[in-house]
Amino acid sequence: MPDRPTAPELVEAVAEFLGNEVLPLMTDHRMKFRTLVALNALGIAHRELTGDPARDDAEELLRQVRERGADPALLPELKRHVAAKLEISNPRYLEGELHGP
């Protein structure tokens, strides 16, 4: 049984503190921006820590692209790979056109 708090819980707690207690008190625009950047980084870290590591096998996909070139049959797998990356880096982007079949 892992110790508590877990890494994702720690990241989430820091993000909540910055977002709910520190950010509202900021008046300096530069520091507000930097705090928002930090919150975004913490969001990425949290998604990395809580994501499914088995869902993304980039090395195998890269091997297939190298062997087969621009094979249209690889397009669905490439889209899944990009979507998995976006789930971590910027999930809101998936609300656009990339999040298709």
N, C-alpha and C. Protein backbone atom coordinates (compact mmCIF):
# COMPACT_ATOMS: atom_id res chain seq x y z
N MET A 1 0.85 -1.17 0.00
CA MET A 1 0.00 0.00 0.00
C MET A 1 0.89 1.24 0.00
N PRO A 2 0.68 2.13 -0.96
CA PRO A 2 1.54 3.31 -1.04
C PRO A 2 1.27 4.29 0.10
N ASP A 3 2.31 5.04 0.41
CA ASP A 3 2.16 6.07 1.44
C ASP A 3 1.20 7.15 0.97
N ARG A 4 0.58 7.80 1.93
CA ARG A 4 -0.34 8.89 1.62
C ARG A 4 0.25 10.17 2.15
N PRO A 5 0.15 11.26 1.49
CA PRO A 5 -0.50 11.41 0.20
C PRO A 5 0.37 10.89 -0.94
N THR A 6 -0.29 10.44 -1.98
CA THR A 6 0.41 9.95 -3.17
C THR A 6 0.92 11.14 -3.98
N ALA A 7 1.76 10.87 -4.95
CA ALA A 7 2.29 11.94 -5.81
C ALA A 7 1.16 12.70 -6.51
N PRO A 8 0.18 12.02 -7.11
CA PRO A 8 -0.91 12.78 -7.73
C PRO A 8 -1.69 13.63 -6.74
N GLU A 9 -1.87 13.11 -5.51
CA GLU A 9 -2.57 13.89 -4.50
C GLU A 9 -1.78 15.13 -4.10
N LEU A 10 -0.47 15.01 -4.00
CA LEU A 10 0.37 16.16 -3.68
C LEU A 10 0.30 17.22 -4.77
N VAL A 11 0.41 16.78 -6.01
CA VAL A 11 0.34 17.72 -7.14
C VAL A 11 -1.01 18.42 -7.15
N GLU A 12 -2.06 17.67 -6.93
CA GLU A 12 -3.41 18.24 -6.92
C GLU A 12 -3.57 19.25 -5.77
N ALA A 13 -3.02 18.93 -4.61
CA ALA A 13 -3.13 19.84 -3.46
C ALA A 13 -2.41 21.16 -3.73
N VAL A 14 -1.22 21.09 -4.33
CA VAL A 14 -0.48 22.31 -4.64
C VAL A 14 -1.23 23.13 -5.68
N ALA A 15 -1.79 22.46 -6.68
CA ALA A 15 -2.56 23.17 -7.71
C ALA A 15 -3.79 23.86 -7.11
N GLU A 16 -4.47 23.17 -6.22
CA GLU A 16 -5.64 23.77 -5.57
C GLU A 16 -5.24 24.97 -4.72
N PHE A 17 -4.13 24.86 -4.00
CA PHE A 17 -3.65 25.97 -3.19
C PHE A 17 -3.32 27.18 -4.07
N LEU A 18 -2.55 26.95 -5.13
CA LEU A 18 -2.19 28.06 -6.01
C LEU A 18 -3.41 28.67 -6.68
N GLY A 19 -4.29 27.83 -7.17
CA GLY A 19 -5.46 28.31 -7.91
C GLY A 19 -6.51 28.97 -7.04
N ASN A 20 -6.73 28.43 -5.85
CA ASN A 20 -7.82 28.92 -5.01
C ASN A 20 -7.40 29.95 -3.97
N GLU A 21 -6.13 29.90 -3.53
CA GLU A 21 -5.72 30.81 -2.47
C GLU A 21 -4.69 31.84 -2.90
N VAL A 22 -3.74 31.45 -3.75
CA VAL A 22 -2.68 32.38 -4.14
C VAL A 22 -3.11 33.24 -5.33
N LEU A 23 -3.59 32.63 -6.38
CA LEU A 23 -3.93 33.36 -7.60
C LEU A 23 -4.93 34.50 -7.37
N PRO A 24 -5.99 34.30 -6.59
CA PRO A 24 -6.94 35.40 -6.39
C PRO A 24 -6.33 36.63 -5.70
N LEU A 25 -5.24 36.44 -4.97
CA LEU A 25 -4.61 37.55 -4.25
C LEU A 25 -3.58 38.30 -5.10
N MET A 26 -3.24 37.75 -6.25
CA MET A 26 -2.19 38.34 -7.09
C MET A 26 -2.68 39.62 -7.76
N THR A 27 -1.84 40.64 -7.69
CA THR A 27 -2.13 41.89 -8.40
C THR A 27 -1.10 42.15 -9.48
N ASP A 28 0.08 41.59 -9.33
CA ASP A 28 1.14 41.75 -10.33
C ASP A 28 0.83 40.83 -11.52
N HIS A 29 0.64 41.42 -12.70
CA HIS A 29 0.24 40.64 -13.88
C HIS A 29 1.30 39.60 -14.27
N ARG A 30 2.56 39.95 -14.09
CA ARG A 30 3.63 39.01 -14.44
C ARG A 30 3.57 37.79 -13.51
N MET A 31 3.41 38.02 -12.22
CA MET A 31 3.33 36.90 -11.28
C MET A 31 2.05 36.09 -11.48
N LYS A 32 0.97 36.76 -11.83
CA LYS A 32 -0.28 36.05 -12.11
C LYS A 32 -0.08 35.11 -13.30
N PHE A 33 0.55 35.62 -14.36
CA PHE A 33 0.82 34.80 -15.54
C PHE A 33 1.71 33.61 -15.18
N ARG A 34 2.76 33.87 -14.42
CA ARG A 34 3.68 32.79 -14.04
C ARG A 34 2.99 31.75 -13.17
N THR A 35 2.07 32.18 -12.34
CA THR A 35 1.30 31.24 -11.52
C THR A 35 0.38 30.40 -12.40
N LEU A 36 -0.22 31.02 -13.41
CA LEU A 36 -1.05 30.25 -14.34
C LEU A 36 -0.23 29.23 -15.12
N VAL A 37 1.00 29.61 -15.49
CA VAL A 37 1.89 28.67 -16.17
C VAL A 37 2.21 27.50 -15.24
N ALA A 38 2.47 27.81 -13.97
CA ALA A 38 2.75 26.75 -12.99
C ALA A 38 1.54 25.83 -12.81
N LEU A 39 0.34 26.42 -12.77
CA LEU A 39 -0.87 25.60 -12.66
C LEU A 39 -1.04 24.69 -13.86
N ASN A 40 -0.73 25.19 -15.04
CA ASN A 40 -0.81 24.37 -16.25
C ASN A 40 0.20 23.21 -16.16
N ALA A 41 1.42 23.51 -15.71
CA ALA A 41 2.44 22.47 -15.57
C ALA A 41 2.01 21.41 -14.55
N LEU A 42 1.40 21.85 -13.46
CA LEU A 42 0.92 20.90 -12.47
C LEU A 42 -0.21 20.04 -13.03
N GLY A 43 -1.05 20.62 -13.87
CA GLY A 43 -2.11 19.84 -14.52
C GLY A 43 -1.54 18.76 -15.42
N ILE A 44 -0.50 19.11 -16.17
CA ILE A 44 0.16 18.12 -17.04
C ILE A 44 0.78 17.02 -16.18
N ALA A 45 1.48 17.41 -15.11
CA ALA A 45 2.11 16.42 -14.24
C ALA A 45 1.07 15.49 -13.62
N HIS A 46 -0.06 16.05 -13.20
CA HIS A 46 -1.12 15.22 -12.61
C HIS A 46 -1.65 14.22 -13.63
N ARG A 47 -1.89 14.68 -14.86
CA ARG A 47 -2.39 13.76 -15.88
C ARG A 47 -1.35 12.71 -16.24
N GLU A 48 -0.07 13.07 -16.23
CA GLU A 48 1.01 12.10 -16.47
C GLU A 48 1.00 11.02 -15.38
N LEU A 49 0.87 11.47 -14.15
CA LEU A 49 0.93 10.54 -13.02
C LEU A 49 -0.29 9.62 -12.95
N THR A 50 -1.43 10.09 -13.42
CA THR A 50 -2.65 9.29 -13.29
C THR A 50 -3.05 8.61 -14.59
N GLY A 51 -2.27 8.82 -15.66
CA GLY A 51 -2.59 8.22 -16.95
C GLY A 51 -2.25 6.75 -17.00
N ASP A 52 -2.71 6.12 -18.05
CA ASP A 52 -2.46 4.70 -18.26
C ASP A 52 -1.21 4.54 -19.11
N PRO A 53 -0.09 4.09 -18.53
CA PRO A 53 1.16 3.99 -19.30
C PRO A 53 1.10 2.96 -20.42
N ALA A 54 0.19 2.01 -20.35
CA ALA A 54 0.11 0.98 -21.38
C ALA A 54 -0.62 1.45 -22.63
N ARG A 55 -1.28 2.60 -22.58
CA ARG A 55 -2.09 3.02 -23.72
C ARG A 55 -1.27 3.59 -24.87
N ASP A 56 0.00 3.83 -24.64
CA ASP A 56 0.78 4.54 -25.64
C ASP A 56 2.11 3.83 -25.88
N ASP A 57 2.23 3.17 -27.01
CA ASP A 57 3.46 2.48 -27.35
C ASP A 57 4.10 3.20 -28.53
N ALA A 58 4.75 4.32 -28.24
CA ALA A 58 5.30 5.17 -29.29
C ALA A 58 6.42 4.50 -30.07
N GLU A 59 7.23 3.70 -29.40
CA GLU A 59 8.35 3.05 -30.10
C GLU A 59 7.86 2.11 -31.20
N GLU A 60 6.82 1.34 -30.89
CA GLU A 60 6.27 0.43 -31.90
C GLU A 60 5.66 1.19 -33.06
N LEU A 61 4.97 2.26 -32.76
CA LEU A 61 4.38 3.08 -33.81
C LEU A 61 5.47 3.69 -34.69
N LEU A 62 6.52 4.19 -34.06
CA LEU A 62 7.64 4.77 -34.81
C LEU A 62 8.27 3.72 -35.72
N ARG A 63 8.43 2.50 -35.22
CA ARG A 63 9.00 1.42 -36.04
C ARG A 63 8.13 1.15 -37.26
N GLN A 64 6.81 1.13 -37.05
CA GLN A 64 5.90 0.88 -38.17
C GLN A 64 5.97 2.00 -39.20
N VAL A 65 6.05 3.23 -38.76
CA VAL A 65 6.14 4.35 -39.70
C VAL A 65 7.44 4.28 -40.48
N ARG A 66 8.52 3.94 -39.81
CA ARG A 66 9.81 3.82 -40.50
C ARG A 66 9.78 2.71 -41.54
N GLU A 67 9.13 1.60 -41.21
CA GLU A 67 9.07 0.46 -42.12
C GLU A 67 8.10 0.69 -43.27
N ARG A 68 6.95 1.27 -42.96
CA ARG A 68 5.87 1.36 -43.95
C ARG A 68 5.73 2.73 -44.58
N GLY A 69 6.42 3.72 -44.05
CA GLY A 69 6.32 5.06 -44.62
C GLY A 69 4.95 5.66 -44.37
N ALA A 70 4.48 6.43 -45.32
CA ALA A 70 3.20 7.14 -45.19
C ALA A 70 2.04 6.22 -45.55
N ASP A 71 1.93 5.12 -44.87
CA ASP A 71 0.87 4.14 -45.10
C ASP A 71 -0.44 4.67 -44.49
N PRO A 72 -1.47 4.88 -45.32
CA PRO A 72 -2.74 5.39 -44.81
C PRO A 72 -3.36 4.49 -43.74
N ALA A 73 -3.00 3.22 -43.73
CA ALA A 73 -3.55 2.31 -42.72
C ALA A 73 -3.05 2.65 -41.32
N LEU A 74 -1.95 3.39 -41.23
CA LEU A 74 -1.42 3.79 -39.93
C LEU A 74 -2.11 5.03 -39.37
N LEU A 75 -2.87 5.72 -40.17
CA LEU A 75 -3.48 6.97 -39.74
C LEU A 75 -4.34 6.83 -38.48
N PRO A 76 -5.20 5.83 -38.37
CA PRO A 76 -6.00 5.71 -37.12
C PRO A 76 -5.12 5.56 -35.88
N GLU A 77 -4.05 4.78 -36.00
CA GLU A 77 -3.16 4.60 -34.85
C GLU A 77 -2.40 5.88 -34.53
N LEU A 78 -1.99 6.61 -35.56
CA LEU A 78 -1.33 7.89 -35.35
C LEU A 78 -2.26 8.89 -34.67
N LYS A 79 -3.53 8.89 -35.08
CA LYS A 79 -4.51 9.78 -34.44
C LYS A 79 -4.71 9.40 -32.98
N ARG A 80 -4.76 8.10 -32.68
CA ARG A 80 -4.90 7.66 -31.29
C ARG A 80 -3.68 8.08 -30.47
N HIS A 81 -2.50 7.98 -31.08
CA HIS A 81 -1.27 8.37 -30.39
C HIS A 81 -1.28 9.87 -30.06
N VAL A 82 -1.63 10.68 -31.04
CA VAL A 82 -1.69 12.13 -30.82
C VAL A 82 -2.76 12.47 -29.78
N ALA A 83 -3.91 11.81 -29.86
CA ALA A 83 -4.98 12.06 -28.88
C ALA A 83 -4.53 11.69 -27.47
N ALA A 84 -3.78 10.60 -27.32
CA ALA A 84 -3.27 10.20 -26.01
C ALA A 84 -2.31 11.25 -25.45
N LYS A 85 -1.48 11.80 -26.33
CA LYS A 85 -0.55 12.86 -25.90
C LYS A 85 -1.32 14.11 -25.50
N LEU A 86 -2.34 14.45 -26.27
CA LEU A 86 -3.13 15.64 -25.96
C LEU A 86 -3.94 15.47 -24.68
N GLU A 87 -4.35 14.25 -24.37
CA GLU A 87 -5.06 14.00 -23.11
C GLU A 87 -4.22 14.45 -21.93
N ILE A 88 -2.90 14.38 -22.10
CA ILE A 88 -2.00 14.79 -21.02
C ILE A 88 -1.64 16.26 -21.13
N SER A 89 -1.22 16.69 -22.32
CA SER A 89 -0.70 18.05 -22.43
C SER A 89 -1.77 19.12 -22.51
N ASN A 90 -2.88 18.85 -23.20
CA ASN A 90 -3.92 19.87 -23.36
C ASN A 90 -5.24 19.20 -23.72
N PRO A 91 -5.94 18.61 -22.75
CA PRO A 91 -7.16 17.86 -23.05
C PRO A 91 -8.25 18.72 -23.69
N ARG A 92 -8.24 20.02 -23.45
CA ARG A 92 -9.27 20.88 -24.05
C ARG A 92 -9.15 20.91 -25.57
N TYR A 93 -7.96 20.68 -26.10
CA TYR A 93 -7.77 20.68 -27.55
C TYR A 93 -8.57 19.56 -28.20
N LEU A 94 -8.80 18.50 -27.46
CA LEU A 94 -9.54 17.35 -28.02
C LEU A 94 -11.01 17.67 -28.26
N GLU A 95 -11.47 18.77 -27.73
CA GLU A 95 -12.86 19.17 -27.99
C GLU A 95 -13.02 19.63 -29.43
N GLY A 96 -11.88 19.83 -30.13
CA GLY A 96 -11.90 20.23 -31.54
C GLY A 96 -12.05 19.04 -32.46
N GLU A 97 -11.55 19.15 -33.66
CA GLU A 97 -11.78 18.17 -34.71
C GLU A 97 -10.94 16.91 -34.60
N LEU A 98 -9.83 16.93 -33.86
CA LEU A 98 -8.97 15.76 -33.79
C LEU A 98 -9.64 14.60 -33.08
N HIS A 99 -10.57 14.87 -32.20
CA HIS A 99 -11.18 13.82 -31.38
C HIS A 99 -12.24 13.07 -32.15
N GLY A 100 -11.86 12.52 -33.29
CA GLY A 100 -12.78 11.74 -34.10
C GLY A 100 -12.36 10.29 -34.08
N PRO A 101 -13.01 9.49 -34.90
CA PRO A 101 -12.70 8.06 -34.94
C PRO A 101 -11.32 7.77 -35.48
